[in-house]
Structure formats: C-alpha cells, structure tokens
C-alpha cells in the first residue's frame, strides 16, 4: 500500500491529526496532485506558516494556477480551498497521466496520449508455456472470436483476475495479453483513482471505463485490485464501499454492452478481493500466474545480466536449476547482490574484474525464494476455503512443486 493510502487510512480515524495531513500533502505534491496537496495543507495548518507557503509556491512552479491567490487559499485551521481559484484556465496534463478538463473540477478522464503503450506479445515472455495456453483459451480466443462464442451464447470479453506471488510478472503478462488481442492497453493504478473529495474517486473510475469503451478493442488493467475491491466483510470502514459498488456496476455494464472491452485485474491477495467481484459477469475467470518455470528463469537471468560486465562462462541452465520457485524479482535481487559483491571488492582496492558464475552461485546461496511464504498462505486457503474450486490451478501447482 502506498503512503497516500496509509495516511488516508490513518486520517479516517484521526481526522484532526495535523501532522499526518501535512505528510499527506507532501505525498500529493510528489505525485503532482496539486489541488489535493493544497487541500491537505489547509487542514494541516494550525497557524500561518511561511515555510509551507514557500513549498506550495515551489510545487506550483510551471503550472497554470494563479500562485499568489492559491497561497491565500491555503488557510490555517482547516479552512477549505477555493477550487474555482485552483481550476486552470485551459486543459493541461498532470503527472498522473489523467487529463483535467475545464469545467470538470471534480472529474478526470484518462489521457489516451499518455496511456497508449508499445504493444508486446507472448513472444517476449520467456517460458510459462502452460500459462500462455490457459490465457489463450480463457481470454484471447474468446476476445478475438466473439461471433463464434455468441452462437453458443458465451460472452467474449468481461473480467479476468490474475493472481499469484508478488514479483512474478502479472503486469507484463497482462500487457502481453493485450498485445495478443491486438487491443489498446490501459494500466490503471489505485492511486490514480482515489481522490480525497466525495464522489471524485467514483467519477475517475467511471471515466477510465468510458475512455476504454471509446477506444475499443481495449484492455483495461487494474493493478493491486485488492486495494480497490477490498472485501467489504473484512473492512472496518465504509469509505471504500461506494467505489466498490461503482466498480461492480461498471463490470456488469461491460458484460452486457461491450464485448470488445477486456478488464484484467491483478492481485497478490485474491482472498482479500470482495466475493462480489468474483461472481459471474465480473472477474469470473481466475488465472494463476505461477513463479517462472525453468525456461523463464533462464530468460530472466540473461535479461538481467545483459549490459553488465559478465564473464563468458555463465551457464544459464545451471542458474535456472539452482533457483526453483524464485520469482523474477528474486532473480533480479540475485544479480544485484552479485554485482554489489564485485563492486565492493573493487572499491576496497582490488583489481577491476567481471561478474563470474561463482559470484552468482554465491548470491543464490545467500537467498531464498520469496514466493514460499505466499504459496504457504494460499495452501491454507485451498485447504479450508476452496469449496468452489477457484484456486484449483494454484492447488495443482503446489501439488507438483512443493
């Protein structure tokens, strides 16, 4: 969970915590959300603060806001910010990749210029042959052949939930899936949807769907879906409930009106996603993204070592054999450890040398796969909460690999 989410969670319980309001304002500044930053600072100030005003002026540098008037709008003791003053005089881009439109002070729409990305395909995904076949049958073929599926009264498109251990490439798999579908790919992060003002988060979410619908065929990708659709039965707050309801309504609309829009969510914690998201017509297709297989691990090692000073005797097959259950992030960490070891030796006065096979094997011996903890956790869910069989793919993987 990012810092903005953490601070907002604290402020749900401690609305008069001026220090946390200030920290939240700083995070909004870093992400380019200037109106939100000013609002947070206004709630943080107990008295006039010239240092704070200077920081706000610095943040507004290069923007369309009337700076001196904006500073006057940051008033102590929780006085509200004048949003008419803060509205730019013409359309501009902000750093979230959303476009702020004149006259829509409480609405963001996804900027297509910022969102359309270079397409990748499964040819650029090393290994994972079984996963590719699963995605092809469950996602790509229905999406590419809606007429055939319509004859059998089967919906094409809809929602798919990718789940698996962290660091195993769910985002890249989603992007490659969009490439295979010859569709535009729009990745949306929870921080781009959430907004401190009532109703704006829901409008942001609706706008993201509308943009994707208007540019079909399209894949709308939601990373960390558990943060957006956290189980309402587990939540102690009702703050996120309207956003969950909006998401459910949008998914239902996709299922009924648009077969050229594919919604993909990704999560490390499928057990925390609200059960309503996993019902028919929503994210009803769950696809398990396992740790990279042997072929994929070889490809990842080669990719991460590319461009580094490496000796010729690197045997990628051996490195792959020594790293079962390692995620892509784990393999990257091995390469970093090996590189740091070589650099440390050089900095301590040793002669400059290349990264060797021995350096990499030593780094492997110092690490363990981070996926084991995740696999152990879902193993318990499979044992006690898999009556519907939604985790069957994960269960089969665990049976064959643990």
Protein backbone atom coordinates (compact mmCIF):
# COMPACT_ATOMS: atom_id res chain seq x y z
CA UNK A 1 0.00 0.00 0.00
CA UNK A 2 1.48 3.41 -0.92
CA UNK A 3 1.96 6.27 1.54
CA UNK A 4 -1.08 8.19 0.34
CA UNK A 5 -3.33 5.22 1.13
CA UNK A 6 -1.64 4.75 4.52
CA UNK A 7 -2.05 8.40 5.53
CA UNK A 8 -5.66 8.50 4.36
CA UNK A 9 -6.38 5.36 6.34
CA UNK A 10 -4.95 7.00 9.49
CA UNK A 11 -7.00 10.14 8.88
CA UNK A 12 -10.20 8.12 8.73
CA UNK A 13 -9.66 7.53 12.45
CA UNK A 14 -7.77 10.72 13.36
CA UNK A 15 -9.32 13.50 11.32
CA UNK A 16 -7.61 16.26 13.35
CA UNK A 17 -4.07 14.84 13.08
CA UNK A 18 -2.37 17.90 11.59
CA UNK A 19 0.98 16.18 11.19
CA UNK A 20 -0.50 13.39 9.06
CA UNK A 21 -2.43 15.93 6.95
CA UNK A 22 0.90 17.66 6.30
CA UNK A 23 2.61 14.39 5.33
CA UNK A 24 -0.31 13.56 3.03
CA UNK A 25 0.07 16.95 1.38
CA UNK A 26 3.74 16.26 0.73
CA UNK A 27 2.90 12.94 -0.93
CA UNK A 28 0.31 14.63 -3.14
CA UNK A 29 2.94 17.18 -4.16
CA UNK A 30 5.33 14.40 -5.16
CA UNK A 31 2.66 12.79 -7.35
CA UNK A 32 1.65 16.10 -8.96
CA UNK A 33 -1.83 16.25 -7.40
CA UNK A 34 -1.68 19.97 -6.62
CA UNK A 35 -5.30 20.65 -5.66
CA UNK A 36 -5.28 17.68 -3.30
CA UNK A 37 -1.99 18.89 -1.81
CA UNK A 38 -3.40 22.36 -1.14
CA UNK A 39 -6.48 20.88 0.49
CA UNK A 40 -4.35 18.65 2.76
CA UNK A 41 -2.07 21.55 3.71
CA UNK A 42 -5.07 23.71 4.57
CA UNK A 43 -6.20 21.04 7.03
CA UNK A 44 -2.68 20.69 8.42
CA UNK A 45 -2.09 24.35 9.29
CA UNK A 46 -2.76 25.47 12.83
CA UNK A 47 -1.27 28.91 12.19
CA UNK A 48 0.29 30.86 9.34
CA UNK A 49 3.38 29.02 8.10
CA UNK A 50 5.70 30.87 5.70
CA UNK A 51 7.81 27.76 5.09
CA UNK A 52 4.75 25.86 3.97
CA UNK A 53 3.68 28.67 1.68
CA UNK A 54 7.12 28.67 0.09
CA UNK A 55 6.88 24.93 -0.52
CA UNK A 56 3.46 25.28 -2.13
CA UNK A 57 4.77 28.06 -4.36
CA UNK A 58 7.62 25.81 -5.42
CA UNK A 59 5.19 22.98 -6.18
CA UNK A 60 3.05 25.25 -8.34
CA UNK A 61 6.02 26.45 -10.36
CA UNK A 62 5.34 25.94 -14.05
CA UNK A 63 1.60 25.33 -13.56
CA UNK A 64 -1.38 27.41 -14.65
CA UNK A 65 -2.58 28.22 -11.13
CA UNK A 66 -2.59 31.88 -10.04
CA UNK A 67 0.12 31.33 -7.44
CA UNK A 68 -0.41 34.20 -5.02
CA UNK A 69 -4.16 33.60 -4.90
CA UNK A 70 -3.59 29.89 -4.41
CA UNK A 71 -1.33 30.58 -1.45
CA UNK A 72 -4.01 32.74 0.12
CA UNK A 73 -6.41 29.80 -0.26
CA UNK A 74 -4.20 27.67 1.99
CA UNK A 75 -5.60 28.92 5.26
CA UNK A 76 -4.95 27.63 8.76
CA UNK A 77 -7.45 25.85 10.99
CA UNK A 78 -8.88 23.69 8.26
CA UNK A 79 -10.34 26.43 6.07
CA UNK A 80 -11.41 25.00 2.72
CA UNK A 81 -9.54 25.57 -0.51
CA UNK A 82 -11.29 27.67 -3.16
CA UNK A 83 -11.45 25.23 -6.07
CA UNK A 84 -12.71 27.86 -8.52
CA UNK A 85 -9.42 29.67 -7.94
CA UNK A 86 -7.45 26.47 -8.38
CA UNK A 87 -9.06 25.43 -11.67
CA UNK A 88 -6.65 26.04 -14.57
CA UNK A 89 -7.79 28.32 -17.37
CA UNK A 90 -7.33 25.66 -20.04
CA UNK A 91 -6.82 21.92 -20.48
CA UNK A 92 -3.49 20.68 -19.12
CA UNK A 93 -1.80 17.37 -18.40
CA UNK A 94 -0.87 16.36 -14.89
CA UNK A 95 1.69 13.81 -13.81
CA UNK A 96 -0.89 11.13 -13.07
CA UNK A 97 -1.49 10.71 -16.79
CA UNK A 98 -5.06 11.99 -16.46
CA UNK A 99 -6.35 14.99 -18.34
CA UNK A 100 -8.02 17.79 -16.37
CA UNK A 101 -10.80 19.33 -18.47
CA UNK A 102 -12.06 22.88 -17.97
CA UNK A 103 -15.43 22.90 -16.26
CA UNK A 104 -14.91 19.42 -14.73
CA UNK A 105 -13.25 20.32 -11.49
CA UNK A 106 -14.26 17.00 -9.94
CA UNK A 107 -13.63 14.69 -12.87
CA UNK A 108 -10.58 13.19 -14.53
CA UNK A 109 -10.53 11.27 -17.80
CA UNK A 110 -7.72 9.05 -18.90
CA UNK A 111 -5.42 10.77 -21.36
CA UNK A 112 -5.06 8.49 -24.36
CA UNK A 113 -1.88 10.23 -25.46
CA UNK A 114 -0.23 9.19 -22.20
CA UNK A 115 -1.81 5.76 -21.97
CA UNK A 116 -1.30 4.10 -25.35
CA UNK A 117 1.83 2.00 -24.98
CA UNK A 118 4.06 -0.06 -27.23
CA UNK A 119 2.47 -3.45 -27.71
CA UNK A 120 4.24 -6.59 -26.53
CA UNK A 121 3.25 -10.19 -27.22
CA UNK A 122 3.86 -13.65 -25.79
CA UNK A 123 6.99 -13.88 -27.95
CA UNK A 124 8.60 -11.52 -25.45
CA UNK A 125 7.54 -13.63 -22.44
CA UNK A 126 10.11 -16.35 -21.77
CA UNK A 127 8.79 -19.78 -20.79
CA UNK A 128 5.44 -20.17 -19.00
CA UNK A 129 4.01 -22.27 -21.83
CA UNK A 130 1.16 -23.68 -19.71
CA UNK A 131 0.12 -20.21 -18.56
CA UNK A 132 0.13 -18.92 -22.15
CA UNK A 133 -2.10 -21.79 -23.25
CA UNK A 134 -4.50 -21.09 -20.39
CA UNK A 135 -4.70 -17.40 -21.25
CA UNK A 136 -5.16 -18.19 -24.93
CA UNK A 137 -8.13 -20.46 -24.23
CA UNK A 138 -9.74 -18.39 -21.48
CA UNK A 139 -9.06 -14.89 -22.76
CA UNK A 140 -7.54 -14.42 -26.21
CA UNK A 141 -9.65 -16.78 -28.36
CA UNK A 142 -13.00 -15.61 -26.89
CA UNK A 143 -11.90 -12.00 -27.34
CA UNK A 144 -10.77 -12.49 -30.94
CA UNK A 145 -13.78 -14.63 -31.98
CA UNK A 146 -16.86 -13.04 -30.40
CA UNK A 147 -19.15 -14.20 -33.23
CA UNK A 148 -18.35 -17.86 -32.67
CA UNK A 149 -18.87 -17.57 -28.93
CA UNK A 150 -22.13 -15.67 -29.48
CA UNK A 151 -23.54 -18.68 -31.33
CA UNK A 152 -23.09 -20.69 -28.16
CA UNK A 153 -24.38 -17.78 -26.07
CA UNK A 154 -20.98 -17.33 -24.47
CA UNK A 155 -19.82 -13.82 -23.66
CA UNK A 156 -16.48 -12.63 -25.02
CA UNK A 157 -14.55 -10.05 -23.02
CA UNK A 158 -15.58 -9.30 -19.45
CA UNK A 159 -13.29 -9.61 -16.45
CA UNK A 160 -10.25 -11.77 -15.68
CA UNK A 161 -8.34 -11.81 -12.41
CA UNK A 162 -4.64 -12.71 -12.47
CA UNK A 163 -3.39 -13.86 -9.08
CA UNK A 164 -0.11 -15.24 -7.83
CA UNK A 165 3.00 -14.47 -5.78
CA UNK A 166 4.45 -10.94 -5.97
CA UNK A 167 7.21 -10.29 -8.45
CA UNK A 168 6.14 -12.94 -10.98
CA UNK A 169 5.21 -10.64 -13.86
CA UNK A 170 1.42 -10.33 -13.68
CA UNK A 171 1.54 -6.82 -15.15
CA UNK A 172 3.76 -7.89 -18.05
CA UNK A 173 1.55 -10.91 -18.72
CA UNK A 174 -1.50 -8.61 -18.86
CA UNK A 175 0.30 -6.28 -21.27
CA UNK A 176 1.33 -9.22 -23.49
CA UNK A 177 -2.26 -10.49 -23.42
CA UNK A 178 -3.43 -7.13 -24.73
CA UNK A 179 -0.82 -7.38 -27.47
CA UNK A 180 -2.03 -10.84 -28.45
CA UNK A 181 -5.58 -9.47 -28.60
CA UNK A 182 -4.38 -6.56 -30.77
CA UNK A 183 -6.00 -4.22 -28.26
CA UNK A 184 -5.02 -0.93 -26.65
CA UNK A 185 -3.62 -1.41 -23.16
CA UNK A 186 -4.59 0.99 -20.37
CA UNK A 187 -2.92 0.27 -17.00
CA UNK A 188 -4.71 1.94 -14.08
CA UNK A 189 -3.24 2.08 -10.58
CA UNK A 190 -5.32 2.54 -7.46
CA UNK A 191 -3.54 5.83 -6.64
CA UNK A 192 -4.82 7.28 -9.93
CA UNK A 193 -8.42 6.52 -8.99
CA UNK A 194 -8.55 7.54 -5.35
CA UNK A 195 -9.32 11.17 -4.54
CA UNK A 196 -9.94 12.86 -1.17
CA UNK A 197 -13.16 14.56 -2.32
CA UNK A 198 -16.51 12.82 -2.09
CA UNK A 199 -17.64 11.28 -5.36
CA UNK A 200 -14.48 12.09 -7.34
CA UNK A 201 -12.97 8.61 -6.99
CA UNK A 202 -16.13 7.07 -8.39
CA UNK A 203 -16.12 9.57 -11.28
CA UNK A 204 -12.45 8.81 -12.02
CA UNK A 205 -13.25 5.12 -12.19
CA UNK A 206 -16.22 5.70 -14.50
CA UNK A 207 -14.10 7.92 -16.76
CA UNK A 208 -11.45 5.21 -17.07
CA UNK A 209 -14.10 2.74 -18.27
CA UNK A 210 -15.62 5.29 -20.65
CA UNK A 211 -12.23 6.04 -22.20
CA UNK A 212 -11.53 2.34 -22.76
CA UNK A 213 -15.03 1.79 -24.22
CA UNK A 214 -14.49 4.65 -26.61
CA UNK A 215 -11.22 3.17 -27.84
CA UNK A 216 -12.12 -0.49 -28.16
CA UNK A 217 -10.74 -3.01 -28.67
CA UNK A 218 -9.09 -2.28 -25.36
CA UNK A 219 -7.74 -3.92 -22.25
CA UNK A 220 -8.25 -2.02 -19.00
CA UNK A 221 -5.77 -3.29 -16.42
CA UNK A 222 -6.19 -2.72 -12.67
CA UNK A 223 -3.09 -3.48 -10.63
CA UNK A 224 -3.47 -4.34 -6.92
CA UNK A 225 -7.18 -4.98 -7.29
CA UNK A 226 -7.40 -5.98 -3.63
CA UNK A 227 -6.76 -2.33 -2.71
CA UNK A 228 -9.62 -1.14 -4.92
CA UNK A 229 -12.01 -4.01 -4.25
CA UNK A 230 -11.10 -4.96 -0.69
CA UNK A 231 -13.57 -7.36 0.88
CA UNK A 232 -16.37 -5.35 2.45
CA UNK A 233 -16.88 -8.02 5.10
CA UNK A 234 -13.28 -7.55 6.28
CA UNK A 235 -13.17 -3.77 6.07
CA UNK A 236 -13.64 -1.72 9.24
CA UNK A 237 -14.55 1.36 7.24
CA UNK A 238 -17.32 2.21 4.79
CA UNK A 239 -15.20 4.79 2.95
CA UNK A 240 -14.36 2.44 0.05
CA UNK A 241 -17.85 0.91 -0.25
CA UNK A 242 -19.17 3.40 -2.87
CA UNK A 243 -16.07 2.79 -5.00
CA UNK A 244 -16.56 -0.99 -4.79
CA UNK A 245 -20.21 -0.55 -5.81
CA UNK A 246 -19.19 1.64 -8.77
CA UNK A 247 -16.66 -0.93 -9.92
CA UNK A 248 -19.25 -3.70 -9.74
CA UNK A 249 -21.71 -1.64 -11.77
CA UNK A 250 -19.09 -0.90 -14.43
CA UNK A 251 -18.16 -4.57 -14.69
CA UNK A 252 -21.81 -5.51 -15.09
CA UNK A 253 -22.13 -2.89 -17.83
CA UNK A 254 -19.08 -4.28 -19.64
CA UNK A 255 -20.57 -7.76 -19.61
CA UNK A 256 -23.87 -6.64 -21.09
CA UNK A 257 -22.94 -3.91 -23.59
CA UNK A 258 -19.37 -4.19 -24.80
CA UNK A 259 -17.65 -7.36 -25.97
CA UNK A 260 -14.54 -5.55 -27.19
CA UNK A 261 -13.50 -4.36 -23.75
CA UNK A 262 -11.50 -6.75 -21.60
CA UNK A 263 -10.97 -6.00 -17.92
CA UNK A 264 -7.93 -7.59 -16.27
CA UNK A 265 -7.19 -7.28 -12.58
CA UNK A 266 -4.07 -8.42 -10.78
CA UNK A 267 -3.62 -9.20 -7.11
CA UNK A 268 -1.22 -10.92 -4.75
CA UNK A 269 -4.06 -11.49 -2.30
CA UNK A 270 -7.12 -12.90 -4.06
CA UNK A 271 -8.59 -13.89 -0.70
CA UNK A 272 -8.91 -10.17 0.16
CA UNK A 273 -10.86 -9.31 -3.00
CA UNK A 274 -14.56 -8.85 -2.32
CA UNK A 275 -16.51 -12.02 -3.19
CA UNK A 276 -18.90 -9.96 -5.31
CA UNK A 277 -16.03 -9.27 -7.73
CA UNK A 278 -15.63 -13.00 -8.39
CA UNK A 279 -19.23 -13.74 -9.32
CA UNK A 280 -20.37 -14.50 -12.92
CA UNK A 281 -20.30 -11.41 -15.11
CA UNK A 282 -17.46 -9.79 -13.19
CA UNK A 283 -13.97 -11.20 -12.54
CA UNK A 284 -15.35 -14.67 -13.04
CA UNK A 285 -12.21 -16.09 -14.71
CA UNK A 286 -9.31 -16.51 -12.29
CA UNK A 287 -5.91 -17.28 -13.80
CA UNK A 288 -2.99 -18.36 -11.62
CA UNK A 289 0.35 -16.77 -12.54
CA UNK A 290 2.99 -19.09 -11.03
CA UNK A 291 6.64 -18.40 -10.31
CA UNK A 292 8.66 -18.53 -13.55
CA UNK A 293 9.49 -22.02 -14.81
CA UNK A 294 13.00 -23.18 -15.76
CA UNK A 295 12.92 -21.68 -19.25
CA UNK A 296 11.58 -18.40 -17.92
CA UNK A 297 14.25 -18.24 -15.21
CA UNK A 298 16.96 -18.71 -17.82
CA UNK A 299 15.49 -15.85 -19.87
CA UNK A 300 15.24 -13.59 -16.81
CA UNK A 301 18.86 -14.23 -15.79
CA UNK A 302 20.01 -13.44 -19.32
CA UNK A 303 17.90 -10.28 -19.41
CA UNK A 304 19.07 -9.00 -16.01
CA UNK A 305 22.73 -9.68 -16.79
CA UNK A 306 22.55 -8.07 -20.22
CA UNK A 307 24.73 -4.96 -20.45
CA UNK A 308 26.68 -5.76 -17.26
CA UNK A 309 30.37 -6.74 -17.24
CA UNK A 310 29.93 -10.53 -17.18
CA UNK A 311 32.40 -13.30 -17.97
CA UNK A 312 31.76 -15.58 -20.94
CA UNK A 313 31.34 -18.73 -18.85
CA UNK A 314 27.85 -18.03 -17.48
CA UNK A 315 25.76 -21.21 -17.70
CA UNK A 316 22.13 -20.06 -17.55
CA UNK A 317 20.82 -23.61 -17.36
CA UNK A 318 22.67 -24.15 -14.07
CA UNK A 319 21.44 -20.84 -12.65
CA UNK A 320 17.86 -21.80 -13.54
CA UNK A 321 18.27 -25.25 -11.98
CA UNK A 322 19.50 -23.67 -8.73
CA UNK A 323 16.54 -21.28 -8.41
CA UNK A 324 13.27 -23.24 -8.35
CA UNK A 325 10.31 -21.19 -7.07
CA UNK A 326 12.30 -17.94 -7.41
CA UNK A 327 10.28 -15.02 -8.74
CA UNK A 328 11.53 -12.61 -11.37
CA UNK A 329 12.13 -10.07 -8.61
CA UNK A 330 14.12 -12.67 -6.65
CA UNK A 331 16.35 -13.31 -9.68
CA UNK A 332 16.92 -9.60 -10.14
CA UNK A 333 17.96 -9.45 -6.47
CA UNK A 334 20.50 -12.25 -7.04
CA UNK A 335 22.08 -10.30 -9.90
CA UNK A 336 22.18 -7.15 -7.75
CA UNK A 337 23.86 -9.00 -4.87
CA UNK A 338 26.49 -10.44 -7.19
CA UNK A 339 27.17 -7.03 -8.76
CA UNK A 340 27.44 -5.36 -5.33
CA UNK A 341 29.94 -8.01 -4.20
CA UNK A 342 32.18 -7.35 -7.20
CA UNK A 343 31.92 -3.59 -6.77
CA UNK A 344 32.77 -3.86 -3.06
CA UNK A 345 35.92 -5.82 -3.87
CA UNK A 346 36.99 -3.25 -6.46
CA UNK A 347 36.29 -0.32 -4.12
CA UNK A 348 38.36 -1.96 -1.38
CA UNK A 349 41.41 -1.86 -3.62
CA UNK A 350 41.06 -4.99 -5.69
CA UNK A 351 41.61 -5.04 -9.42
CA UNK A 352 38.64 -4.47 -11.67
CA UNK A 353 37.02 -7.73 -12.79
CA UNK A 354 33.89 -9.20 -14.33
CA UNK A 355 30.88 -10.82 -12.63
CA UNK A 356 31.55 -14.55 -12.61
CA UNK A 357 29.44 -17.66 -12.40
CA UNK A 358 30.79 -18.20 -8.89
CA UNK A 359 29.55 -14.73 -7.83
CA UNK A 360 26.06 -15.61 -8.99
CA UNK A 361 26.06 -19.02 -7.31
CA UNK A 362 27.26 -17.42 -4.07
CA UNK A 363 24.41 -14.90 -4.29
CA UNK A 364 21.92 -17.74 -4.81
CA UNK A 365 23.25 -19.49 -1.69
CA UNK A 366 22.58 -16.32 0.33
CA UNK A 367 18.93 -16.02 -0.72
CA UNK A 368 15.66 -17.91 -0.60
CA UNK A 369 12.62 -17.62 -2.87
CA UNK A 370 10.15 -15.08 -1.52
CA UNK A 371 7.28 -16.99 -3.13
CA UNK A 372 7.35 -19.73 -0.48
CA UNK A 373 5.54 -17.59 2.09
CA UNK A 374 2.82 -16.73 -0.42
CA UNK A 375 2.44 -20.35 -1.53
CA UNK A 376 2.16 -21.45 2.12
CA UNK A 377 -0.55 -18.85 2.72
CA UNK A 378 -2.69 -19.84 -0.25
CA UNK A 379 -2.16 -23.50 0.64
CA UNK A 380 -4.21 -22.86 3.79
CA UNK A 381 -6.95 -21.13 1.79
CA UNK A 382 -7.00 -24.08 -0.62
CA UNK A 383 -7.37 -26.45 2.32
CA UNK A 384 -10.13 -24.58 4.13
CA UNK A 385 -11.79 -22.22 1.62
CA UNK A 386 -11.71 -23.71 -1.86
CA UNK A 387 -15.14 -25.30 -1.99
CA UNK A 388 -15.93 -23.56 -5.29
CA UNK A 389 -12.58 -24.60 -6.80
CA UNK A 390 -11.45 -21.05 -7.63
CA UNK A 391 -7.89 -21.85 -6.52
CA UNK A 392 -7.66 -25.18 -8.35
CA UNK A 393 -4.82 -24.01 -10.63
CA UNK A 394 -2.78 -22.91 -7.62
CA UNK A 395 -3.58 -26.20 -5.88
CA UNK A 396 -2.29 -28.20 -8.87
CA UNK A 397 0.90 -26.14 -8.96
CA UNK A 398 1.56 -26.60 -5.25
CA UNK A 399 0.94 -30.33 -5.51
CA UNK A 400 3.54 -30.65 -8.25
CA UNK A 401 6.17 -28.27 -6.86
CA UNK A 402 6.07 -28.28 -3.05
